[in-house]
Each structure stands twice: as structure tokens, then as C-alpha cells.
Amino acid sequence: MASTSRTPTGRGRGRGRGRGGRGDGSSSLPPPPSTLPLIIEEFFIVVYEDPLVKKALPKKFADYLDGQEPAKVYLRAADCGPRLWTVEVLFDGQGRMYLDKGWENFAIAHGVDFGCFVHFKYEGDDVLTVKVFDGTMCRKYYYSDDEDNDDESDDDVKPCIHHL
């Protein structure tokens, strides 16, 4: 007696719609990347220079914001409560976008240093959620000791505290 390969539903493999098909001869493959809209939700930067000076964001992200170039963005540390850090944004006319005034305070409070990888996730409405990874490629986890005080000025830098 010949053995046939069966799927968990009891149907033979050689029958039915096949892998990813709809059974009507059409393909369920996604369209080629060149036809998909450009959506940039996540990106990272590597800190190779002074961590406290303005930081260039990827050109592809700046291109994504074309026509909606914000004067400022709001950074939210992934593990630091609801606080938003206001950071001014510069565009250089060459399509580059930089985090400028306010970045230094955020970087100090979240331990951004040489060799860090800083991951950004665009949440819309000019909000970026940020995760910081140290030079060993391990994520830095933080919580805020002042989550209830939303009136605080960005000039009054209080670092998030690393919990063990």
C-alpha cells in the first residue's frame, strides 16, 4: 500500500489551493516593493561622534516626512513613563533632518553615549518612541522617578534611573 503525505487536517499535500494560493489561479504574493507606499516607522542611528550634539536622522525618514517637515518632534523613552521631550528639528535643504535643541537633555537623561545604538519608532503626530542600546548591544532599561510631574521644563534635566 502506498503511503501519502497528509497535513494535520487530513488532506493530501498535492491537493487544494496549494501554498499561499487562493484556488482561483491568482497569486497571493505581495506586490513588488517598488509599488508599495513608502512607510518608515522604525529606524536607528549609531552614535559615532559626540552624543550631545545634534543628530542626523536617516534621509529616508526625512523623505517620508516631505511636505510635513515639523519644527519640533517629541521623544518618548520606551520605559520612562508618559513624559515627552521636546526636540527642535533642523532641515538642511539637502534633504537631511537633524535632532537639535533639546536632544542634549534627552541624551543626558537616557545615557546616550559613544557607541550606542538609538532606535526610533515613529508614532505619528511628530512623536518618536526611543530605545537606547549600549555598546554591548544590550538595551538600557529605565524608569522615571518623576512621572507624575509633567510640568517640568526640559532645561531641568533629571535622568531616568536605571533599575537593576
N, C-alpha and C. Protein backbone atom coordinates (compact mmCIF):
# COMPACT_ATOMS: atom_id res chain seq x y z
N MET A 1 0.84 -1.17 0.00
CA MET A 1 0.00 0.00 0.00
C MET A 1 0.89 1.24 0.00
N ALA A 2 0.57 2.19 -0.86
CA ALA A 2 1.38 3.40 -0.98
C ALA A 2 1.00 4.37 0.12
N SER A 3 2.00 5.02 0.65
CA SER A 3 1.80 6.00 1.71
C SER A 3 1.66 7.38 1.10
N THR A 4 0.71 8.17 1.58
CA THR A 4 0.57 9.54 1.10
C THR A 4 0.86 10.49 2.25
N SER A 5 1.41 11.61 1.91
CA SER A 5 1.71 12.62 2.92
C SER A 5 0.43 13.37 3.24
N ARG A 6 0.13 13.53 4.47
CA ARG A 6 -1.10 14.21 4.88
C ARG A 6 -0.77 15.40 5.79
N THR A 7 -1.56 16.43 5.68
CA THR A 7 -1.44 17.58 6.57
C THR A 7 -2.25 17.30 7.82
N PRO A 8 -2.13 18.11 8.85
CA PRO A 8 -2.89 17.88 10.08
C PRO A 8 -4.41 17.84 9.86
N THR A 9 -4.91 18.42 8.79
CA THR A 9 -6.35 18.40 8.54
C THR A 9 -6.77 17.11 7.85
N GLY A 10 -5.81 16.28 7.47
CA GLY A 10 -6.12 15.01 6.84
C GLY A 10 -6.15 15.08 5.33
N ARG A 11 -5.92 16.23 4.74
CA ARG A 11 -5.92 16.36 3.29
C ARG A 11 -4.54 16.06 2.76
N GLY A 12 -4.46 15.52 1.58
CA GLY A 12 -3.19 15.26 0.93
C GLY A 12 -2.52 16.56 0.54
N ARG A 13 -1.20 16.57 0.49
CA ARG A 13 -0.46 17.79 0.17
C ARG A 13 -0.63 18.23 -1.27
N GLY A 14 -0.82 17.31 -2.15
CA GLY A 14 -0.86 17.67 -3.55
C GLY A 14 -2.19 18.26 -3.98
N ARG A 15 -3.11 18.40 -3.11
CA ARG A 15 -4.44 18.88 -3.46
C ARG A 15 -4.74 20.23 -2.84
N GLY A 16 -5.85 20.78 -3.22
CA GLY A 16 -6.30 22.04 -2.60
C GLY A 16 -5.71 23.24 -3.26
N ARG A 17 -5.61 24.28 -2.50
CA ARG A 17 -5.19 25.56 -3.05
C ARG A 17 -3.68 25.69 -3.17
N GLY A 18 -2.96 24.87 -2.50
CA GLY A 18 -1.50 24.99 -2.56
C GLY A 18 -1.00 26.06 -1.62
N ARG A 19 0.26 26.27 -1.64
CA ARG A 19 0.90 27.20 -0.71
C ARG A 19 0.61 28.65 -1.09
N GLY A 20 -0.19 29.29 -0.27
CA GLY A 20 -0.45 30.72 -0.45
C GLY A 20 -1.44 31.05 -1.55
N GLY A 21 -1.89 30.10 -2.29
CA GLY A 21 -2.81 30.38 -3.39
C GLY A 21 -4.23 30.52 -2.88
N ARG A 22 -5.09 31.03 -3.76
CA ARG A 22 -6.49 31.19 -3.40
C ARG A 22 -7.36 30.14 -4.06
N GLY A 23 -6.77 29.25 -4.86
CA GLY A 23 -7.54 28.23 -5.51
C GLY A 23 -8.17 28.71 -6.81
N ASP A 24 -8.04 29.99 -7.14
CA ASP A 24 -8.65 30.51 -8.36
C ASP A 24 -7.60 30.87 -9.41
N GLY A 25 -6.38 30.42 -9.19
CA GLY A 25 -5.31 30.67 -10.14
C GLY A 25 -4.59 31.98 -9.91
N SER A 26 -5.11 32.84 -9.04
CA SER A 26 -4.44 34.11 -8.78
C SER A 26 -3.39 33.92 -7.69
N SER A 27 -2.45 34.81 -7.64
CA SER A 27 -1.36 34.72 -6.67
C SER A 27 -1.69 35.55 -5.44
N SER A 28 -1.26 35.09 -4.27
CA SER A 28 -1.45 35.88 -3.06
C SER A 28 -0.15 36.53 -2.63
N LEU A 29 0.83 36.56 -3.53
CA LEU A 29 2.10 37.19 -3.21
C LEU A 29 1.91 38.70 -3.09
N PRO A 30 2.66 39.34 -2.20
CA PRO A 30 2.54 40.80 -2.09
C PRO A 30 3.09 41.46 -3.35
N PRO A 31 2.68 42.69 -3.60
CA PRO A 31 3.21 43.39 -4.77
C PRO A 31 4.70 43.65 -4.58
N PRO A 32 5.42 43.85 -5.68
CA PRO A 32 6.85 44.13 -5.56
C PRO A 32 7.08 45.40 -4.75
N PRO A 33 8.22 45.49 -4.05
CA PRO A 33 8.49 46.64 -3.17
C PRO A 33 8.38 47.99 -3.86
N SER A 34 8.69 48.08 -5.14
CA SER A 34 8.65 49.37 -5.82
C SER A 34 7.24 49.91 -5.96
N THR A 35 6.21 49.05 -5.79
CA THR A 35 4.84 49.52 -5.92
C THR A 35 4.19 49.78 -4.57
N LEU A 36 4.86 49.47 -3.47
CA LEU A 36 4.32 49.70 -2.14
C LEU A 36 4.57 51.14 -1.73
N PRO A 37 3.65 51.74 -0.96
CA PRO A 37 3.90 53.10 -0.49
C PRO A 37 5.06 53.10 0.50
N LEU A 38 5.81 54.20 0.51
CA LEU A 38 6.94 54.34 1.42
C LEU A 38 6.42 54.64 2.82
N ILE A 39 6.60 53.70 3.73
CA ILE A 39 6.20 53.89 5.12
C ILE A 39 7.42 53.62 5.98
N ILE A 40 7.90 54.62 6.65
CA ILE A 40 9.06 54.48 7.51
C ILE A 40 8.56 54.64 8.94
N GLU A 41 8.50 53.55 9.67
CA GLU A 41 8.04 53.61 11.05
C GLU A 41 9.18 53.47 12.04
N GLU A 42 10.22 52.73 11.69
CA GLU A 42 11.30 52.47 12.63
C GLU A 42 12.65 52.62 11.94
N PHE A 43 13.60 53.14 12.68
CA PHE A 43 14.96 53.29 12.19
C PHE A 43 15.88 53.44 13.39
N PHE A 44 17.18 53.40 13.16
CA PHE A 44 18.12 53.62 14.27
C PHE A 44 19.28 54.45 13.79
N ILE A 45 19.96 55.06 14.75
CA ILE A 45 21.21 55.75 14.47
C ILE A 45 22.26 55.15 15.40
N VAL A 46 23.51 55.22 14.96
CA VAL A 46 24.64 54.78 15.76
C VAL A 46 25.40 56.04 16.16
N VAL A 47 25.73 56.17 17.43
CA VAL A 47 26.41 57.36 17.93
C VAL A 47 27.91 57.16 17.79
N TYR A 48 28.48 57.77 16.72
CA TYR A 48 29.91 57.69 16.44
C TYR A 48 30.66 58.94 16.89
N GLU A 49 29.92 60.00 17.13
CA GLU A 49 30.54 61.27 17.49
C GLU A 49 29.93 61.75 18.80
N ASP A 50 30.28 62.93 19.21
CA ASP A 50 29.79 63.49 20.46
C ASP A 50 28.28 63.22 20.61
N PRO A 51 27.89 62.47 21.64
CA PRO A 51 26.48 62.11 21.78
C PRO A 51 25.56 63.28 22.10
N LEU A 52 26.13 64.43 22.46
CA LEU A 52 25.31 65.55 22.90
C LEU A 52 25.07 66.60 21.81
N VAL A 53 25.72 66.46 20.66
CA VAL A 53 25.48 67.42 19.57
C VAL A 53 24.33 66.92 18.71
N LYS A 54 23.84 67.80 17.84
CA LYS A 54 22.69 67.45 17.01
C LYS A 54 22.95 66.12 16.28
N LYS A 55 21.87 65.37 16.06
CA LYS A 55 21.97 64.04 15.46
C LYS A 55 21.20 64.00 14.16
N ALA A 56 21.86 63.50 13.12
CA ALA A 56 21.22 63.33 11.82
C ALA A 56 20.36 62.08 11.84
N LEU A 57 19.16 62.21 11.33
CA LEU A 57 18.26 61.07 11.16
C LEU A 57 18.38 60.57 9.73
N PRO A 58 18.00 59.34 9.46
CA PRO A 58 18.15 58.81 8.10
C PRO A 58 17.41 59.65 7.05
N LYS A 59 18.05 59.83 5.92
CA LYS A 59 17.47 60.62 4.83
C LYS A 59 16.13 60.03 4.39
N LYS A 60 16.02 58.73 4.41
CA LYS A 60 14.77 58.08 4.00
C LYS A 60 13.61 58.49 4.91
N PHE A 61 13.88 58.68 6.20
CA PHE A 61 12.84 59.15 7.11
C PHE A 61 12.49 60.60 6.80
N ALA A 62 13.49 61.43 6.54
CA ALA A 62 13.24 62.83 6.18
C ALA A 62 12.42 62.89 4.89
N ASP A 63 12.74 62.02 3.93
CA ASP A 63 11.97 61.96 2.68
C ASP A 63 10.52 61.58 2.95
N TYR A 64 10.32 60.67 3.90
CA TYR A 64 8.97 60.23 4.27
C TYR A 64 8.14 61.41 4.79
N LEU A 65 8.78 62.32 5.51
CA LEU A 65 8.09 63.48 6.08
C LEU A 65 7.99 64.65 5.11
N ASP A 66 8.48 64.48 3.89
CA ASP A 66 8.49 65.55 2.90
C ASP A 66 7.13 66.23 2.81
N GLY A 67 7.14 67.53 2.94
CA GLY A 67 5.90 68.30 2.90
C GLY A 67 5.26 68.47 4.26
N GLN A 68 5.70 67.71 5.25
CA GLN A 68 5.16 67.81 6.60
C GLN A 68 6.29 68.03 7.59
N GLU A 69 7.32 68.73 7.17
CA GLU A 69 8.53 68.89 7.97
C GLU A 69 8.23 69.63 9.27
N PRO A 70 8.28 68.90 10.39
CA PRO A 70 7.95 69.54 11.67
C PRO A 70 9.08 70.43 12.16
N ALA A 71 8.74 71.46 12.91
CA ALA A 71 9.74 72.33 13.53
C ALA A 71 10.29 71.68 14.79
N LYS A 72 9.51 70.73 15.35
CA LYS A 72 9.96 70.01 16.53
C LYS A 72 9.30 68.63 16.53
N VAL A 73 9.94 67.73 17.26
CA VAL A 73 9.38 66.41 17.49
C VAL A 73 9.34 66.18 18.99
N TYR A 74 8.63 65.15 19.38
CA TYR A 74 8.50 64.81 20.79
C TYR A 74 9.04 63.40 20.98
N LEU A 75 10.06 63.29 21.81
CA LEU A 75 10.67 61.99 22.08
C LEU A 75 10.09 61.41 23.35
N ARG A 76 9.76 60.14 23.29
CA ARG A 76 9.24 59.42 24.45
C ARG A 76 10.14 58.21 24.64
N ALA A 77 10.82 58.13 25.78
CA ALA A 77 11.63 56.95 26.07
C ALA A 77 10.69 55.79 26.32
N ALA A 78 11.00 54.65 25.74
CA ALA A 78 10.09 53.49 25.80
C ALA A 78 9.76 53.07 27.22
N ASP A 79 10.67 53.25 28.16
CA ASP A 79 10.45 52.78 29.53
C ASP A 79 10.50 53.90 30.55
N CYS A 80 10.21 55.11 30.15
CA CYS A 80 10.36 56.23 31.06
C CYS A 80 9.06 56.96 31.32
N GLY A 81 7.96 56.27 31.27
CA GLY A 81 6.69 56.89 31.56
C GLY A 81 6.16 57.73 30.42
N PRO A 82 5.18 58.56 30.71
CA PRO A 82 4.48 59.31 29.66
C PRO A 82 5.16 60.61 29.23
N ARG A 83 6.27 60.94 29.84
CA ARG A 83 6.91 62.23 29.57
C ARG A 83 7.37 62.33 28.11
N LEU A 84 7.08 63.47 27.51
CA LEU A 84 7.55 63.78 26.17
C LEU A 84 8.64 64.84 26.25
N TRP A 85 9.74 64.60 25.54
CA TRP A 85 10.84 65.55 25.49
C TRP A 85 10.72 66.31 24.17
N THR A 86 10.63 67.62 24.24
CA THR A 86 10.53 68.45 23.04
C THR A 86 11.91 68.67 22.47
N VAL A 87 12.07 68.35 21.18
CA VAL A 87 13.36 68.50 20.50
C VAL A 87 13.12 69.25 19.19
N GLU A 88 13.85 70.33 19.00
CA GLU A 88 13.75 71.09 17.76
C GLU A 88 14.39 70.29 16.63
N VAL A 89 13.84 70.48 15.43
CA VAL A 89 14.31 69.77 14.25
C VAL A 89 14.85 70.77 13.24
N LEU A 90 15.98 70.43 12.64
CA LEU A 90 16.55 71.25 11.57
C LEU A 90 16.54 70.45 10.27
N PHE A 91 16.24 71.12 9.17
CA PHE A 91 16.38 70.54 7.84
C PHE A 91 17.42 71.38 7.11
N ASP A 92 18.36 70.72 6.45
CA ASP A 92 19.49 71.45 5.87
C ASP A 92 19.31 71.86 4.41
N GLY A 93 18.17 71.63 3.81
CA GLY A 93 17.97 71.98 2.41
C GLY A 93 18.49 70.92 1.45
N GLN A 94 19.25 69.97 1.96
CA GLN A 94 19.77 68.86 1.17
C GLN A 94 19.00 67.57 1.45
N GLY A 95 17.89 67.72 2.16
CA GLY A 95 17.08 66.55 2.48
C GLY A 95 17.47 65.85 3.77
N ARG A 96 18.37 66.45 4.54
CA ARG A 96 18.77 65.85 5.82
C ARG A 96 18.00 66.50 6.95
N MET A 97 17.68 65.67 7.95
CA MET A 97 16.92 66.09 9.12
C MET A 97 17.78 65.85 10.36
N TYR A 98 17.80 66.81 11.27
CA TYR A 98 18.61 66.71 12.47
C TYR A 98 17.78 66.96 13.73
N LEU A 99 18.07 66.20 14.78
CA LEU A 99 17.55 66.49 16.11
C LEU A 99 18.50 67.51 16.70
N ASP A 100 17.99 68.66 17.12
CA ASP A 100 18.86 69.75 17.57
C ASP A 100 18.57 70.11 19.02
N LYS A 101 18.15 71.32 19.28
CA LYS A 101 17.95 71.81 20.65
C LYS A 101 16.95 70.92 21.38
N GLY A 102 17.36 70.42 22.53
CA GLY A 102 16.55 69.50 23.32
C GLY A 102 17.09 68.08 23.26
N TRP A 103 17.83 67.76 22.19
CA TRP A 103 18.43 66.42 22.09
C TRP A 103 19.44 66.19 23.21
N GLU A 104 20.25 67.21 23.51
CA GLU A 104 21.27 67.07 24.54
C GLU A 104 20.66 66.65 25.87
N ASN A 105 19.56 67.30 26.27
CA ASN A 105 18.91 66.95 27.53
C ASN A 105 18.39 65.52 27.52
N PHE A 106 17.78 65.13 26.41
CA PHE A 106 17.28 63.76 26.29
C PHE A 106 18.44 62.77 26.38
N ALA A 107 19.51 63.05 25.67
CA ALA A 107 20.67 62.15 25.63
C ALA A 107 21.30 61.99 27.02
N ILE A 108 21.42 63.07 27.77
CA ILE A 108 21.98 63.00 29.12
C ILE A 108 21.09 62.16 30.01
N ALA A 109 19.80 62.43 29.97
CA ALA A 109 18.85 61.75 30.85
C ALA A 109 18.73 60.26 30.55
N HIS A 110 19.07 59.85 29.33
CA HIS A 110 18.89 58.45 28.94
C HIS A 110 20.20 57.73 28.66
N GLY A 111 21.29 58.33 29.06
CA GLY A 111 22.58 57.67 28.99
C GLY A 111 23.09 57.39 27.58
N VAL A 112 22.73 58.25 26.62
CA VAL A 112 23.24 58.07 25.26
C VAL A 112 24.72 58.43 25.26
N ASP A 113 25.55 57.52 24.78
CA ASP A 113 27.00 57.72 24.80
C ASP A 113 27.60 57.20 23.52
N PHE A 114 28.93 57.36 23.36
CA PHE A 114 29.62 56.84 22.18
C PHE A 114 29.35 55.35 22.05
N GLY A 115 29.07 54.91 20.82
CA GLY A 115 28.85 53.50 20.56
C GLY A 115 27.43 53.03 20.80
N CYS A 116 26.56 53.89 21.28
CA CYS A 116 25.16 53.50 21.49
C CYS A 116 24.42 53.40 20.16
N PHE A 117 23.47 52.50 20.14
CA PHE A 117 22.50 52.41 19.05
C PHE A 117 21.21 53.00 19.61
N VAL A 118 20.63 53.93 18.89
CA VAL A 118 19.41 54.57 19.35
C VAL A 118 18.31 54.22 18.35
N HIS A 119 17.32 53.47 18.82
CA HIS A 119 16.23 53.01 17.98
C HIS A 119 15.04 53.96 18.12
N PHE A 120 14.47 54.36 16.99
CA PHE A 120 13.32 55.26 16.97
C PHE A 120 12.15 54.56 16.31
N LYS A 121 10.97 54.78 16.86
CA LYS A 121 9.74 54.31 16.23
C LYS A 121 8.82 55.51 16.10
N TYR A 122 8.44 55.81 14.85
CA TYR A 122 7.57 56.95 14.59
C TYR A 122 6.14 56.56 14.91
N GLU A 123 5.53 57.30 15.83
CA GLU A 123 4.18 57.00 16.29
C GLU A 123 3.13 57.90 15.62
N GLY A 124 3.57 58.81 14.78
CA GLY A 124 2.67 59.79 14.18
C GLY A 124 2.60 61.02 15.06
N ASP A 125 1.97 62.07 14.56
CA ASP A 125 1.82 63.32 15.31
C ASP A 125 3.15 63.83 15.87
N ASP A 126 4.23 63.62 15.12
CA ASP A 126 5.57 64.10 15.48
C ASP A 126 6.13 63.48 16.75
N VAL A 127 5.63 62.31 17.14
CA VAL A 127 6.11 61.60 18.33
C VAL A 127 6.98 60.43 17.90
N LEU A 128 8.16 60.33 18.51
CA LEU A 128 9.08 59.21 18.30
C LEU A 128 9.32 58.52 19.63
N THR A 129 9.08 57.22 19.68
CA THR A 129 9.42 56.43 20.86
C THR A 129 10.85 55.96 20.68
N VAL A 130 11.65 56.06 21.73
CA VAL A 130 13.09 55.82 21.64
C VAL A 130 13.52 54.70 22.58
N LYS A 131 14.40 53.82 22.08
CA LYS A 131 15.06 52.81 22.90
C LYS A 131 16.56 52.98 22.68
N VAL A 132 17.31 52.90 23.76
CA VAL A 132 18.76 53.07 23.69
C VAL A 132 19.43 51.73 23.99
N PHE A 133 20.37 51.34 23.13
CA PHE A 133 21.16 50.14 23.30
C PHE A 133 22.61 50.56 23.51
N ASP A 134 23.30 49.96 24.47
CA ASP A 134 24.68 50.35 24.74
C ASP A 134 25.64 49.67 23.75
N GLY A 135 26.92 49.91 23.92
CA GLY A 135 27.94 49.37 23.03
C GLY A 135 28.06 47.86 23.03
N THR A 136 27.45 47.19 24.02
CA THR A 136 27.47 45.72 24.04
C THR A 136 26.24 45.15 23.34
N MET A 137 25.45 46.04 22.73
CA MET A 137 24.22 45.70 22.01
C MET A 137 23.09 45.29 22.94
N CYS A 138 23.19 45.65 24.22
CA CYS A 138 22.14 45.35 25.19
C CYS A 138 21.33 46.62 25.44
N ARG A 139 20.04 46.44 25.56
CA ARG A 139 19.15 47.58 25.76
C ARG A 139 19.29 48.14 27.16
N LYS A 140 19.27 49.46 27.24
CA LYS A 140 19.27 50.13 28.53
C LYS A 140 17.81 50.30 28.94
N TYR A 141 17.48 49.82 30.12
CA TYR A 141 16.12 49.96 30.64
C TYR A 141 16.08 51.04 31.68
N TYR A 142 15.07 51.87 31.63
CA TYR A 142 14.95 53.00 32.54
C TYR A 142 13.52 53.15 33.00
N TYR A 143 13.36 53.81 34.10
CA TYR A 143 12.05 54.29 34.51
C TYR A 143 12.27 55.69 35.03
N SER A 144 11.23 56.45 35.08
CA SER A 144 11.34 57.83 35.52
C SER A 144 10.95 57.92 36.99
N ASP A 145 11.70 58.70 37.74
CA ASP A 145 11.35 58.91 39.14
C ASP A 145 10.43 60.12 39.31
N ASP A 146 10.08 60.75 38.20
CA ASP A 146 9.22 61.94 38.30
C ASP A 146 8.08 61.86 37.29
N GLU A 147 7.48 60.69 37.13
CA GLU A 147 6.43 60.50 36.13
C GLU A 147 5.21 61.38 36.39
N ASP A 148 4.94 61.70 37.63
CA ASP A 148 3.75 62.47 37.95
C ASP A 148 3.92 63.96 37.73
N ASN A 149 5.14 64.41 37.51
CA ASN A 149 5.39 65.84 37.36
C ASN A 149 5.59 66.16 35.88
N ASP A 150 4.50 66.43 35.15
CA ASP A 150 4.57 66.74 33.73
C ASP A 150 4.86 68.20 33.46
N ASP A 151 4.90 69.04 34.50
CA ASP A 151 5.13 70.46 34.31
C ASP A 151 6.61 70.81 34.19
N GLU A 152 7.44 69.83 34.34
CA GLU A 152 8.87 70.05 34.39
C GLU A 152 9.43 70.58 33.06
N SER A 153 10.30 71.53 33.12
CA SER A 153 10.95 72.08 31.94
C SER A 153 12.02 71.12 31.45
N ASP A 154 12.23 71.08 30.12
CA ASP A 154 13.30 70.26 29.57
C ASP A 154 14.68 70.76 30.01
N ASP A 155 14.74 72.02 30.45
CA ASP A 155 16.02 72.56 30.91
C ASP A 155 16.41 71.99 32.27
N ASP A 156 15.44 71.49 33.01
CA ASP A 156 15.69 70.90 34.31
C ASP A 156 15.86 69.38 34.10
N VAL A 157 17.05 68.99 33.71
CA VAL A 157 17.31 67.60 33.33
C VAL A 157 17.44 66.73 34.56
N LYS A 158 16.56 65.75 34.67
CA LYS A 158 16.66 64.75 35.72
C LYS A 158 16.74 63.41 35.01
N PRO A 159 17.82 62.70 35.17
CA PRO A 159 17.96 61.45 34.43
C PRO A 159 16.98 60.40 34.88
N CYS A 160 16.58 59.58 33.91
CA CYS A 160 15.83 58.39 34.27
C CYS A 160 16.79 57.50 35.04
N ILE A 161 16.27 56.69 35.93
CA ILE A 161 17.12 55.88 36.79
C ILE A 161 17.10 54.44 36.31
N HIS A 162 18.28 53.91 36.13
CA HIS A 162 18.41 52.53 35.66
C HIS A 162 17.98 51.59 36.77
N HIS A 163 17.05 50.70 36.47
CA HIS A 163 16.65 49.75 37.51
C HIS A 163 17.37 48.42 37.26
N LEU A 164 17.73 47.76 38.33
CA LEU A 164 18.51 46.53 38.24
C LEU A 164 17.64 45.30 38.20
